[in-house]
Amino acid sequence: MLENYLPILIFILVGIFVGIAAVGLGFVLGPHKPDTEKTSPYECGFEAFEDTRMKFDVRYYLVAILFIIFDLEIAFLFPWAVALDSIGMAGFWAMMIFLGILVVGFIYEWKKGALEWE
């Protein structure tokens, strides 16, 4: 029974070894020249000028959510395009309805000014 799991155990051990070896080589062979720019905290594209509990503009989160929505749209389009021959016209019109809903949402966000940045 346990001999069935031996290839999985070997695969896990080799994976752990390769990961540790890559990180170790990075530490050993990588340049060690820290300066103020490299060691400074980086968050959201601007310098930290207040404490960590400051409030961000809602538009930052809105743009991030819109990016995720339209990124997922593309993730749905690739398998649909590959399987279009087998799903027929019903699948085609289902995707057109899906894209229509997303376009209506995009136009709504555009008209509300969510994509404007000051």
N, C-alpha and C. Protein backbone atom coordinates (compact mmCIF):
# COMPACT_ATOMS: atom_id res chain seq x y z
N MET A 1 0.82 -1.20 0.00
CA MET A 1 0.00 0.00 0.00
C MET A 1 0.87 1.26 0.00
N LEU A 2 1.88 1.29 0.87
CA LEU A 2 2.73 2.47 0.95
C LEU A 2 3.62 2.64 -0.27
N GLU A 3 3.90 1.57 -1.01
CA GLU A 3 4.73 1.71 -2.20
C GLU A 3 4.03 2.50 -3.29
N ASN A 4 2.72 2.63 -3.22
CA ASN A 4 1.99 3.46 -4.18
C ASN A 4 2.26 4.94 -3.97
N TYR A 5 2.61 5.31 -2.75
CA TYR A 5 2.87 6.71 -2.43
C TYR A 5 4.33 7.10 -2.56
N LEU A 6 5.21 6.14 -2.83
CA LEU A 6 6.64 6.43 -2.94
C LEU A 6 6.96 7.44 -4.05
N PRO A 7 6.39 7.31 -5.26
CA PRO A 7 6.68 8.33 -6.29
C PRO A 7 6.23 9.74 -5.87
N ILE A 8 5.11 9.83 -5.16
CA ILE A 8 4.63 11.14 -4.70
C ILE A 8 5.59 11.71 -3.66
N LEU A 9 6.06 10.87 -2.75
CA LEU A 9 7.01 11.31 -1.73
C LEU A 9 8.32 11.77 -2.37
N ILE A 10 8.81 11.02 -3.35
CA ILE A 10 10.04 11.41 -4.05
C ILE A 10 9.83 12.74 -4.77
N PHE A 11 8.69 12.91 -5.42
CA PHE A 11 8.39 14.15 -6.13
C PHE A 11 8.36 15.34 -5.17
N ILE A 12 7.75 15.17 -4.02
CA ILE A 12 7.69 16.25 -3.03
C ILE A 12 9.09 16.58 -2.51
N LEU A 13 9.88 15.56 -2.23
CA LEU A 13 11.24 15.80 -1.73
C LEU A 13 12.12 16.50 -2.76
N VAL A 14 12.02 16.07 -4.03
CA VAL A 14 12.79 16.74 -5.08
C VAL A 14 12.33 18.18 -5.24
N GLY A 15 11.04 18.43 -5.15
CA GLY A 15 10.53 19.80 -5.25
C GLY A 15 11.02 20.68 -4.12
N ILE A 16 11.01 20.15 -2.91
CA ILE A 16 11.53 20.91 -1.77
C ILE A 16 13.01 21.19 -1.93
N PHE A 17 13.76 20.19 -2.39
CA PHE A 17 15.20 20.38 -2.60
C PHE A 17 15.47 21.44 -3.66
N VAL A 18 14.76 21.39 -4.77
CA VAL A 18 14.97 22.38 -5.83
C VAL A 18 14.63 23.78 -5.32
N GLY A 19 13.55 23.91 -4.56
CA GLY A 19 13.18 25.22 -4.02
C GLY A 19 14.21 25.77 -3.06
N ILE A 20 14.67 24.92 -2.15
CA ILE A 20 15.69 25.36 -1.18
C ILE A 20 17.00 25.68 -1.89
N ALA A 21 17.35 24.87 -2.91
CA ALA A 21 18.59 25.12 -3.64
C ALA A 21 18.53 26.45 -4.39
N ALA A 22 17.39 26.77 -4.99
CA ALA A 22 17.27 28.04 -5.72
C ALA A 22 17.38 29.23 -4.78
N VAL A 23 16.71 29.16 -3.64
CA VAL A 23 16.78 30.26 -2.68
C VAL A 23 18.20 30.37 -2.11
N GLY A 24 18.81 29.25 -1.82
CA GLY A 24 20.18 29.26 -1.30
C GLY A 24 21.16 29.85 -2.29
N LEU A 25 21.05 29.48 -3.57
CA LEU A 25 21.93 30.06 -4.59
C LEU A 25 21.70 31.56 -4.73
N GLY A 26 20.47 31.98 -4.57
CA GLY A 26 20.20 33.42 -4.62
C GLY A 26 20.89 34.17 -3.50
N PHE A 27 20.89 33.60 -2.32
CA PHE A 27 21.57 34.25 -1.20
C PHE A 27 23.08 34.22 -1.36
N VAL A 28 23.61 33.12 -1.86
CA VAL A 28 25.06 32.98 -1.97
C VAL A 28 25.62 33.79 -3.13
N LEU A 29 24.99 33.71 -4.29
CA LEU A 29 25.53 34.35 -5.50
C LEU A 29 24.97 35.74 -5.77
N GLY A 30 23.90 36.12 -5.10
CA GLY A 30 23.28 37.42 -5.36
C GLY A 30 24.08 38.57 -4.79
N PRO A 31 23.98 39.74 -5.42
CA PRO A 31 24.72 40.91 -4.90
C PRO A 31 24.10 41.40 -3.59
N HIS A 32 24.96 41.82 -2.69
CA HIS A 32 24.53 42.35 -1.40
C HIS A 32 24.94 43.81 -1.30
N LYS A 33 24.19 44.68 -1.95
CA LYS A 33 24.48 46.11 -1.94
C LYS A 33 23.22 46.87 -1.54
N PRO A 34 22.84 46.77 -0.28
CA PRO A 34 21.62 47.49 0.12
C PRO A 34 21.85 49.00 0.17
N ASP A 35 20.85 49.74 -0.25
CA ASP A 35 20.87 51.19 -0.10
C ASP A 35 19.49 51.62 0.39
N THR A 36 19.29 52.89 0.55
CA THR A 36 18.03 53.37 1.13
C THR A 36 16.84 53.09 0.23
N GLU A 37 17.04 53.10 -1.08
CA GLU A 37 15.93 52.83 -2.00
C GLU A 37 15.50 51.37 -1.94
N LYS A 38 16.48 50.46 -1.85
CA LYS A 38 16.14 49.04 -1.82
C LYS A 38 15.50 48.61 -0.51
N THR A 39 15.90 49.21 0.58
CA THR A 39 15.39 48.78 1.87
C THR A 39 14.16 49.58 2.33
N SER A 40 13.75 50.58 1.55
CA SER A 40 12.58 51.37 1.95
C SER A 40 11.30 50.59 1.66
N PRO A 41 10.28 50.77 2.49
CA PRO A 41 9.02 50.06 2.23
C PRO A 41 8.33 50.64 1.00
N TYR A 42 7.77 49.77 0.19
CA TYR A 42 7.08 50.20 -1.03
C TYR A 42 5.65 49.68 -0.97
N GLU A 43 4.72 50.60 -1.14
CA GLU A 43 3.32 50.20 -1.10
C GLU A 43 2.51 51.16 -1.95
N CYS A 44 1.77 50.64 -2.87
CA CYS A 44 0.76 51.37 -3.63
C CYS A 44 1.34 52.47 -4.52
N GLY A 45 2.61 52.46 -4.81
CA GLY A 45 3.16 53.40 -5.76
C GLY A 45 3.55 54.75 -5.21
N PHE A 46 3.43 54.98 -3.93
CA PHE A 46 3.87 56.26 -3.38
C PHE A 46 4.56 56.04 -2.05
N GLU A 47 5.32 57.02 -1.65
CA GLU A 47 6.08 56.92 -0.41
C GLU A 47 5.15 56.91 0.80
N ALA A 48 5.56 56.18 1.80
CA ALA A 48 4.81 56.16 3.04
C ALA A 48 5.11 57.47 3.79
N PHE A 49 4.11 58.32 3.90
CA PHE A 49 4.34 59.63 4.51
C PHE A 49 3.55 59.81 5.81
N GLU A 50 2.73 58.85 6.17
CA GLU A 50 2.01 58.90 7.43
C GLU A 50 2.10 57.52 8.09
N ASP A 51 1.32 57.34 9.12
CA ASP A 51 1.36 56.03 9.76
C ASP A 51 0.67 54.98 8.90
N THR A 52 0.76 53.73 9.30
CA THR A 52 0.23 52.65 8.48
C THR A 52 -1.28 52.54 8.50
N ARG A 53 -1.93 53.28 9.35
CA ARG A 53 -3.38 53.19 9.43
C ARG A 53 -4.09 54.33 8.68
N MET A 54 -3.38 54.99 7.78
CA MET A 54 -4.02 56.07 7.02
C MET A 54 -5.02 55.50 6.03
N LYS A 55 -6.00 56.30 5.65
CA LYS A 55 -7.05 55.85 4.74
C LYS A 55 -6.62 56.10 3.31
N PHE A 56 -6.94 55.13 2.46
CA PHE A 56 -6.68 55.26 1.03
C PHE A 56 -7.94 55.75 0.34
N ASP A 57 -7.75 56.34 -0.80
CA ASP A 57 -8.88 56.78 -1.59
C ASP A 57 -9.64 55.56 -2.11
N VAL A 58 -10.95 55.64 -2.13
CA VAL A 58 -11.77 54.52 -2.56
C VAL A 58 -11.51 54.19 -4.02
N ARG A 59 -11.14 55.17 -4.81
CA ARG A 59 -10.89 54.93 -6.23
C ARG A 59 -9.75 53.95 -6.46
N TYR A 60 -8.80 53.91 -5.55
CA TYR A 60 -7.71 52.94 -5.67
C TYR A 60 -8.27 51.52 -5.64
N TYR A 61 -9.14 51.25 -4.70
CA TYR A 61 -9.74 49.93 -4.59
C TYR A 61 -10.69 49.66 -5.75
N LEU A 62 -11.39 50.68 -6.21
CA LEU A 62 -12.31 50.51 -7.31
C LEU A 62 -11.57 50.13 -8.60
N VAL A 63 -10.46 50.77 -8.85
CA VAL A 63 -9.66 50.42 -10.03
C VAL A 63 -9.13 49.00 -9.90
N ALA A 64 -8.72 48.60 -8.72
CA ALA A 64 -8.23 47.23 -8.51
C ALA A 64 -9.34 46.22 -8.76
N ILE A 65 -10.54 46.49 -8.27
CA ILE A 65 -11.67 45.57 -8.48
C ILE A 65 -12.04 45.51 -9.95
N LEU A 66 -12.04 46.66 -10.63
CA LEU A 66 -12.34 46.65 -12.06
C LEU A 66 -11.29 45.85 -12.84
N PHE A 67 -10.02 45.96 -12.45
CA PHE A 67 -8.98 45.18 -13.11
C PHE A 67 -9.25 43.69 -12.94
N ILE A 68 -9.61 43.28 -11.73
CA ILE A 68 -9.86 41.86 -11.48
C ILE A 68 -11.06 41.38 -12.29
N ILE A 69 -12.10 42.18 -12.37
CA ILE A 69 -13.30 41.79 -13.13
C ILE A 69 -12.95 41.58 -14.60
N PHE A 70 -12.25 42.53 -15.20
CA PHE A 70 -11.96 42.41 -16.63
C PHE A 70 -10.85 41.39 -16.89
N ASP A 71 -10.00 41.14 -15.92
CA ASP A 71 -9.02 40.08 -16.05
C ASP A 71 -9.71 38.71 -16.05
N LEU A 72 -10.71 38.54 -15.20
CA LEU A 72 -11.48 37.30 -15.18
C LEU A 72 -12.29 37.13 -16.46
N GLU A 73 -12.72 38.22 -17.03
CA GLU A 73 -13.44 38.13 -18.30
C GLU A 73 -12.56 37.49 -19.35
N ILE A 74 -11.32 37.90 -19.42
CA ILE A 74 -10.38 37.32 -20.38
C ILE A 74 -10.13 35.85 -20.05
N ALA A 75 -10.07 35.51 -18.77
CA ALA A 75 -9.86 34.12 -18.38
C ALA A 75 -11.04 33.25 -18.83
N PHE A 76 -12.24 33.80 -18.92
CA PHE A 76 -13.38 33.04 -19.42
C PHE A 76 -13.41 32.98 -20.94
N LEU A 77 -12.82 33.96 -21.61
CA LEU A 77 -12.87 33.99 -23.07
C LEU A 77 -11.98 32.93 -23.72
N PHE A 78 -10.83 32.61 -23.13
CA PHE A 78 -9.92 31.64 -23.75
C PHE A 78 -10.53 30.24 -23.85
N PRO A 79 -11.05 29.67 -22.76
CA PRO A 79 -11.65 28.34 -22.92
C PRO A 79 -12.89 28.36 -23.81
N TRP A 80 -13.63 29.45 -23.77
CA TRP A 80 -14.81 29.57 -24.62
C TRP A 80 -14.39 29.55 -26.09
N ALA A 81 -13.34 30.28 -26.44
CA ALA A 81 -12.88 30.32 -27.83
C ALA A 81 -12.37 28.96 -28.28
N VAL A 82 -11.73 28.21 -27.40
CA VAL A 82 -11.22 26.89 -27.76
C VAL A 82 -12.37 25.92 -27.98
N ALA A 83 -13.41 26.00 -27.16
CA ALA A 83 -14.52 25.05 -27.23
C ALA A 83 -15.69 25.55 -28.06
N LEU A 84 -15.52 26.61 -28.81
CA LEU A 84 -16.64 27.21 -29.54
C LEU A 84 -17.24 26.26 -30.57
N ASP A 85 -16.42 25.44 -31.23
CA ASP A 85 -16.96 24.50 -32.21
C ASP A 85 -17.87 23.47 -31.57
N SER A 86 -17.53 23.03 -30.37
CA SER A 86 -18.32 21.96 -29.75
C SER A 86 -19.55 22.48 -28.99
N ILE A 87 -19.57 23.74 -28.59
CA ILE A 87 -20.73 24.23 -27.82
C ILE A 87 -21.79 24.86 -28.70
N GLY A 88 -21.44 25.19 -29.92
CA GLY A 88 -22.44 25.66 -30.88
C GLY A 88 -22.94 27.07 -30.62
N MET A 89 -24.09 27.35 -31.22
CA MET A 89 -24.66 28.70 -31.14
C MET A 89 -25.19 29.04 -29.75
N ALA A 90 -25.62 28.03 -29.00
CA ALA A 90 -26.11 28.30 -27.64
C ALA A 90 -24.97 28.86 -26.78
N GLY A 91 -23.79 28.26 -26.90
CA GLY A 91 -22.62 28.76 -26.16
C GLY A 91 -22.19 30.12 -26.65
N PHE A 92 -22.31 30.35 -27.95
CA PHE A 92 -21.95 31.66 -28.50
C PHE A 92 -22.84 32.75 -27.92
N TRP A 93 -24.15 32.52 -27.92
CA TRP A 93 -25.07 33.55 -27.43
C TRP A 93 -25.00 33.70 -25.91
N ALA A 94 -24.68 32.63 -25.20
CA ALA A 94 -24.48 32.74 -23.75
C ALA A 94 -23.30 33.65 -23.45
N MET A 95 -22.21 33.52 -24.22
CA MET A 95 -21.05 34.38 -24.01
C MET A 95 -21.36 35.81 -24.44
N MET A 96 -22.16 36.00 -25.47
CA MET A 96 -22.52 37.35 -25.89
C MET A 96 -23.34 38.05 -24.80
N ILE A 97 -24.22 37.30 -24.14
CA ILE A 97 -24.99 37.88 -23.02
C ILE A 97 -24.05 38.25 -21.88
N PHE A 98 -23.10 37.35 -21.57
CA PHE A 98 -22.11 37.61 -20.53
C PHE A 98 -21.29 38.86 -20.85
N LEU A 99 -20.81 38.96 -22.09
CA LEU A 99 -20.03 40.13 -22.49
C LEU A 99 -20.88 41.39 -22.49
N GLY A 100 -22.16 41.26 -22.88
CA GLY A 100 -23.05 42.42 -22.86
C GLY A 100 -23.24 42.97 -21.45
N ILE A 101 -23.40 42.07 -20.48
CA ILE A 101 -23.54 42.51 -19.09
C ILE A 101 -22.27 43.21 -18.63
N LEU A 102 -21.11 42.68 -18.99
CA LEU A 102 -19.86 43.32 -18.61
C LEU A 102 -19.68 44.68 -19.29
N VAL A 103 -20.10 44.79 -20.53
CA VAL A 103 -19.99 46.08 -21.24
C VAL A 103 -20.91 47.11 -20.59
N VAL A 104 -22.11 46.70 -20.21
CA VAL A 104 -23.04 47.62 -19.54
C VAL A 104 -22.43 48.09 -18.21
N GLY A 105 -21.82 47.17 -17.46
CA GLY A 105 -21.15 47.54 -16.21
C GLY A 105 -19.98 48.47 -16.44
N PHE A 106 -19.21 48.21 -17.50
CA PHE A 106 -18.08 49.07 -17.82
C PHE A 106 -18.55 50.48 -18.19
N ILE A 107 -19.60 50.58 -18.98
CA ILE A 107 -20.13 51.90 -19.37
C ILE A 107 -20.66 52.63 -18.13
N TYR A 108 -21.32 51.89 -17.23
CA TYR A 108 -21.82 52.50 -16.00
C TYR A 108 -20.67 53.08 -15.18
N GLU A 109 -19.59 52.29 -15.00
CA GLU A 109 -18.44 52.78 -14.25
C GLU A 109 -17.78 53.96 -14.94
N TRP A 110 -17.74 53.94 -16.25
CA TRP A 110 -17.14 55.03 -17.01
C TRP A 110 -17.96 56.32 -16.83
N LYS A 111 -19.28 56.20 -16.91
CA LYS A 111 -20.14 57.38 -16.75
C LYS A 111 -20.11 57.92 -15.32
N LYS A 112 -19.92 57.05 -14.34
CA LYS A 112 -19.84 57.49 -12.95
C LYS A 112 -18.50 58.15 -12.64
N GLY A 113 -17.54 58.03 -13.54
CA GLY A 113 -16.23 58.65 -13.31
C GLY A 113 -15.28 57.80 -12.51
N ALA A 114 -15.54 56.50 -12.43
CA ALA A 114 -14.68 55.62 -11.64
C ALA A 114 -13.31 55.46 -12.26
N LEU A 115 -13.18 55.69 -13.54
CA LEU A 115 -11.90 55.52 -14.22
C LEU A 115 -11.08 56.80 -14.28
N GLU A 116 -11.64 57.90 -13.79
CA GLU A 116 -10.92 59.16 -13.76
C GLU A 116 -9.98 59.19 -12.56
N TRP A 117 -8.80 59.67 -12.74
CA TRP A 117 -7.82 59.73 -11.66
C TRP A 117 -7.28 61.15 -11.56
N GLU A 118 -7.20 61.66 -10.36
CA GLU A 118 -6.74 63.05 -10.19
C GLU A 118 -5.28 63.09 -9.83
